[in-house]
């Protein structure tokens, strides 16, 4: 049995998804997974060349996708992307706020720029995308917003005061917007996923020695896979996730247990 055969499936045909940070890592896997499930995927990130590769992968699998180069911390740029997607498809059903950066250093050495860049990309972007999404979804009376936070937002991590603050902010933001959107007249859910250590380009930079040290801290004794995060997103985006809202779902191999 192939790895794909072991994964969950859902039919998102006719739906439109927008994924930020879609050019690499977890975001790329999410975009491809939603595309294979039948959604038309708007892939959003700064690197247009890498986005085109993701779009090509989705299209090669028989899906629909488009690339949108955008600074997700720029309010006008975000609105233009949303306007373009709505103009093309007349709706947006799923928004995955995944874009994120790190500027790691201990707090005494952290610069204003280190702080501002991380908060802007990781947290301000979630506000901008969610504000635009809810305006569309309230008219539709349906939608799914899925925010990618981190275990760093739950437990902190030395050298990541900026990153941990941004990811903790996403959790509080998610729970508040979920309450605002949860009414019987609207079928709009808002949830957060907190990945632990996931095997991506970001964790590859740790090096073999630190990688092994990290695994010792995880009860499952392995890093997670981007596909495992993407499958959680797919479940929340599917009809099966209709009654799940305001939740913080941790996928970390037992790290925060």
Protein backbone atom coordinates (compact mmCIF):
# COMPACT_ATOMS: atom_id res chain seq x y z
CA UNK A 1 0.00 0.00 0.00
CA UNK A 2 1.41 3.43 -0.97
CA UNK A 3 1.83 6.24 1.55
CA UNK A 4 -0.92 8.22 -0.22
CA UNK A 5 -3.29 5.27 0.15
CA UNK A 6 -2.87 5.41 3.92
CA UNK A 7 -3.83 9.08 4.16
CA UNK A 8 -7.32 10.44 4.77
CA UNK A 9 -9.39 11.66 1.86
CA UNK A 10 -12.09 14.27 1.36
CA UNK A 11 -13.93 15.71 -1.61
CA UNK A 12 -13.47 19.48 -1.84
CA UNK A 13 -14.69 19.73 -5.44
CA UNK A 14 -16.18 23.14 -6.21
CA UNK A 15 -14.48 24.78 -3.26
CA UNK A 16 -11.82 27.50 -3.35
CA UNK A 17 -8.89 27.49 -0.93
CA UNK A 18 -6.26 30.12 -0.21
CA UNK A 19 -3.01 29.03 1.45
CA UNK A 20 -0.30 31.44 2.61
CA UNK A 21 3.32 30.42 2.87
CA UNK A 22 2.54 27.92 0.10
CA UNK A 23 5.95 28.01 -1.57
CA UNK A 24 7.69 25.53 0.75
CA UNK A 25 7.47 23.18 3.73
CA UNK A 26 4.16 22.73 5.51
CA UNK A 27 2.38 25.33 3.37
CA UNK A 28 3.36 23.63 0.15
CA UNK A 29 2.15 20.27 1.44
CA UNK A 30 -1.16 21.81 2.54
CA UNK A 31 -1.69 23.46 -0.84
CA UNK A 32 -0.96 20.24 -2.73
CA UNK A 33 -3.18 18.18 -0.43
CA UNK A 34 -6.15 20.54 -0.82
CA UNK A 35 -5.58 20.63 -4.57
CA UNK A 36 -5.57 16.85 -4.83
CA UNK A 37 -8.82 16.82 -2.84
CA UNK A 38 -10.47 18.88 -5.56
CA UNK A 39 -10.22 22.46 -4.29
CA UNK A 40 -9.06 25.26 -6.57
CA UNK A 41 -6.03 26.56 -4.64
CA UNK A 42 -4.72 30.11 -4.54
CA UNK A 43 -1.08 29.67 -3.52
CA UNK A 44 0.26 32.75 -1.77
CA UNK A 45 3.86 33.61 -0.82
CA UNK A 46 6.59 36.08 -1.72
CA UNK A 47 8.63 33.79 -3.97
CA UNK A 48 6.78 33.62 -7.28
CA UNK A 49 9.14 31.10 -8.86
CA UNK A 50 8.65 28.58 -6.06
CA UNK A 51 4.90 29.20 -6.15
CA UNK A 52 4.86 28.29 -9.83
CA UNK A 53 6.46 24.95 -8.95
CA UNK A 54 3.67 24.26 -6.44
CA UNK A 55 1.01 25.24 -8.96
CA UNK A 56 2.59 22.91 -11.54
CA UNK A 57 2.57 20.04 -9.04
CA UNK A 58 -1.12 20.56 -8.28
CA UNK A 59 -2.00 20.83 -11.96
CA UNK A 60 0.03 17.71 -12.78
CA UNK A 61 -2.15 15.84 -10.27
CA UNK A 62 -5.27 17.04 -12.08
CA UNK A 63 -6.06 19.98 -9.79
CA UNK A 64 -6.57 23.70 -10.24
CA UNK A 65 -4.21 26.29 -8.79
CA UNK A 66 -2.90 29.81 -9.23
CA UNK A 67 0.18 31.64 -7.92
CA UNK A 68 -0.13 34.95 -6.09
CA UNK A 69 3.10 36.68 -5.07
CA UNK A 70 2.25 38.79 -2.03
CA UNK A 71 3.69 40.28 1.13
CA UNK A 72 1.09 38.96 3.56
CA UNK A 73 1.88 41.71 6.07
CA UNK A 74 0.83 44.37 3.53
CA UNK A 75 -2.85 45.22 3.93
CA UNK A 76 -3.36 46.53 0.38
CA UNK A 77 -1.55 43.56 -1.16
CA UNK A 78 -3.65 41.08 0.82
CA UNK A 79 -6.88 42.76 -0.24
CA UNK A 80 -5.81 42.71 -3.90
CA UNK A 81 -5.18 38.98 -3.71
CA UNK A 82 -8.58 38.35 -2.14
CA UNK A 83 -10.29 40.53 -4.72
CA UNK A 84 -8.53 38.65 -7.53
CA UNK A 85 -9.50 35.23 -6.13
CA UNK A 86 -13.13 36.25 -5.60
CA UNK A 87 -13.29 37.78 -9.06
CA UNK A 88 -11.98 34.55 -10.59
CA UNK A 89 -14.03 32.08 -8.53
CA UNK A 90 -16.84 34.13 -6.94
CA UNK A 91 -16.07 32.66 -3.52
CA UNK A 92 -13.41 31.64 -0.99
CA UNK A 93 -14.27 28.59 1.12
CA UNK A 94 -11.03 27.74 2.92
CA UNK A 95 -8.25 30.01 4.18
CA UNK A 96 -5.10 28.53 5.69
CA UNK A 97 -2.91 31.09 7.42
CA UNK A 98 0.45 29.36 7.38
CA UNK A 99 3.01 32.05 6.46
CA UNK A 100 5.75 32.33 9.04
CA UNK A 101 9.38 33.33 9.55
CA UNK A 102 11.92 33.10 12.38
CA UNK A 103 14.53 35.61 13.55
CA UNK A 104 15.95 33.67 16.48
CA UNK A 105 18.13 35.22 19.17
CA UNK A 106 18.04 35.66 22.93
CA UNK A 107 15.97 38.61 24.13
CA UNK A 108 18.92 40.85 25.20
CA UNK A 109 20.20 40.75 21.61
CA UNK A 110 16.84 40.89 19.81
CA UNK A 111 16.53 44.00 17.66
CA UNK A 112 13.40 46.01 16.93
CA UNK A 113 13.58 44.68 13.38
CA UNK A 114 13.83 41.06 14.59
CA UNK A 115 10.67 41.58 16.62
CA UNK A 116 8.69 43.61 14.08
CA UNK A 117 9.37 41.35 11.10
CA UNK A 118 8.28 38.19 12.89
CA UNK A 119 5.16 39.74 14.40
CA UNK A 120 4.20 41.27 11.03
CA UNK A 121 4.64 38.11 8.99
CA UNK A 122 3.37 35.61 11.54
CA UNK A 123 0.58 37.49 13.35
CA UNK A 124 -0.42 40.64 11.49
CA UNK A 125 -0.85 38.55 8.34
CA UNK A 126 -3.36 36.29 10.13
CA UNK A 127 -5.40 39.34 11.08
CA UNK A 128 -5.32 40.75 7.54
CA UNK A 129 -6.20 37.45 5.82
CA UNK A 130 -8.89 36.59 8.36
CA UNK A 131 -10.51 40.02 8.12
CA UNK A 132 -10.69 39.70 4.34
CA UNK A 133 -11.88 36.09 4.57
CA UNK A 134 -14.68 36.73 7.06
CA UNK A 135 -16.11 39.49 4.88
CA UNK A 136 -16.47 37.02 2.02
CA UNK A 137 -17.51 34.06 4.16
CA UNK A 138 -20.21 35.98 6.03
CA UNK A 139 -21.88 36.72 2.69
CA UNK A 140 -21.59 33.05 1.77
CA UNK A 141 -22.66 32.00 5.29
CA UNK A 142 -19.99 29.30 5.19
CA UNK A 143 -16.24 28.91 5.35
CA UNK A 144 -13.24 27.41 7.08
CA UNK A 145 -10.34 29.38 8.54
CA UNK A 146 -7.38 27.31 9.72
CA UNK A 147 -4.45 29.05 11.39
CA UNK A 148 -1.07 27.36 11.75
CA UNK A 149 0.34 28.21 15.16
CA UNK A 150 3.10 26.23 16.94
CA UNK A 151 3.92 24.44 20.16
CA UNK A 152 6.24 27.42 20.74
CA UNK A 153 3.07 29.44 21.30
CA UNK A 154 2.02 26.99 24.02
CA UNK A 155 5.25 26.36 25.90
CA UNK A 156 7.77 28.94 24.72
CA UNK A 157 11.22 28.22 23.35
CA UNK A 158 14.49 29.94 24.33
CA UNK A 159 15.72 32.25 21.59
CA UNK A 160 12.23 32.59 20.11
CA UNK A 161 10.50 35.27 22.17
CA UNK A 162 9.27 36.95 18.98
CA UNK A 163 8.19 33.71 17.30
CA UNK A 164 6.54 32.34 20.46
CA UNK A 165 4.67 35.62 21.01
CA UNK A 166 3.39 35.59 17.44
CA UNK A 167 2.22 31.99 17.67
CA UNK A 168 0.59 32.49 21.08
CA UNK A 169 -1.17 35.52 19.61
CA UNK A 170 -2.58 33.35 16.85
CA UNK A 171 -4.15 31.06 19.45
CA UNK A 172 -5.97 33.87 21.26
CA UNK A 173 -6.97 35.43 17.95
CA UNK A 174 -8.35 32.11 16.68
CA UNK A 175 -10.49 31.49 19.75
CA UNK A 176 -11.91 35.01 19.67
CA UNK A 177 -12.80 35.00 15.97
CA UNK A 178 -14.30 31.52 16.32
CA UNK A 179 -16.71 32.91 18.92
CA UNK A 180 -17.54 35.87 16.71
CA UNK A 181 -18.29 33.67 13.70
CA UNK A 182 -20.09 30.80 15.46
CA UNK A 183 -23.80 31.30 14.98
CA UNK A 184 -26.54 29.10 13.58
CA UNK A 185 -26.92 31.52 10.67
CA UNK A 186 -23.31 31.00 9.63
CA UNK A 187 -21.35 27.83 9.04
CA UNK A 188 -17.93 29.39 9.56
CA UNK A 189 -15.35 27.57 11.65
CA UNK A 190 -12.04 28.95 12.90
CA UNK A 191 -9.37 26.64 14.34
CA UNK A 192 -5.66 26.56 15.05
CA UNK A 193 -3.16 23.76 14.56
CA UNK A 194 0.02 23.71 16.66
CA UNK A 195 2.71 21.60 15.00
CA UNK A 196 5.67 20.42 17.00
CA UNK A 197 9.00 19.71 15.30
CA UNK A 198 8.18 18.91 11.68
CA UNK A 199 10.69 17.70 9.09
CA UNK A 200 11.05 20.72 6.77
CA UNK A 201 13.81 22.94 5.42
CA UNK A 202 13.58 24.86 8.71
CA UNK A 203 14.37 21.82 10.87
CA UNK A 204 17.00 20.58 8.38
CA UNK A 205 19.00 23.66 9.34
CA UNK A 206 19.32 22.30 12.89
CA UNK A 207 22.01 19.85 11.80
CA UNK A 208 22.25 16.12 12.67
CA UNK A 209 23.45 16.54 16.26
CA UNK A 210 20.72 18.96 17.26
CA UNK A 211 18.18 16.93 15.30
CA UNK A 212 18.95 13.88 17.45
CA UNK A 213 18.78 15.97 20.61
CA UNK A 214 15.33 17.25 19.61
CA UNK A 215 14.09 13.70 19.00
CA UNK A 216 15.07 12.77 22.56
CA UNK A 217 12.60 15.39 23.84
CA UNK A 218 9.72 13.94 21.82
CA UNK A 219 7.97 10.87 23.28
CA UNK A 220 7.29 9.58 19.75
CA UNK A 221 11.06 9.83 19.14
CA UNK A 222 10.69 11.26 15.65
CA UNK A 223 9.95 14.48 13.84
CA UNK A 224 6.49 14.92 12.37
CA UNK A 225 5.85 14.97 8.62
CA UNK A 226 4.39 17.91 6.73
CA UNK A 227 1.78 15.51 5.33
CA UNK A 228 0.49 14.88 8.87
CA UNK A 229 -0.20 18.59 9.32
CA UNK A 230 -1.78 18.78 5.85
CA UNK A 231 -4.10 15.88 6.68
CA UNK A 232 -5.28 17.68 9.83
CA UNK A 233 -6.01 20.75 7.71
CA UNK A 234 -7.89 18.61 5.20
CA UNK A 235 -10.05 17.12 7.95
CA UNK A 236 -10.92 20.56 9.36
CA UNK A 237 -11.67 21.84 5.85
CA UNK A 238 -13.93 18.88 5.05
CA UNK A 239 -17.54 18.29 5.93
CA UNK A 240 -16.38 16.13 8.84
CA UNK A 241 -14.96 19.21 10.55
CA UNK A 242 -18.18 21.22 10.51
CA UNK A 243 -18.74 21.10 14.30
CA UNK A 244 -15.14 21.83 15.27
CA UNK A 245 -14.44 25.50 15.98
CA UNK A 246 -12.34 27.53 18.38
CA UNK A 247 -10.05 24.57 18.94
CA UNK A 248 -6.28 24.39 19.28
CA UNK A 249 -5.13 21.05 17.90
CA UNK A 250 -1.61 20.00 18.81
CA UNK A 251 0.36 17.63 16.58
CA UNK A 252 3.69 17.16 18.31
CA UNK A 253 4.35 13.47 19.03
CA UNK A 254 3.60 14.02 22.72
CA UNK A 255 6.07 16.89 23.25
CA UNK A 256 3.60 19.03 25.22
CA UNK A 257 1.76 16.13 26.88
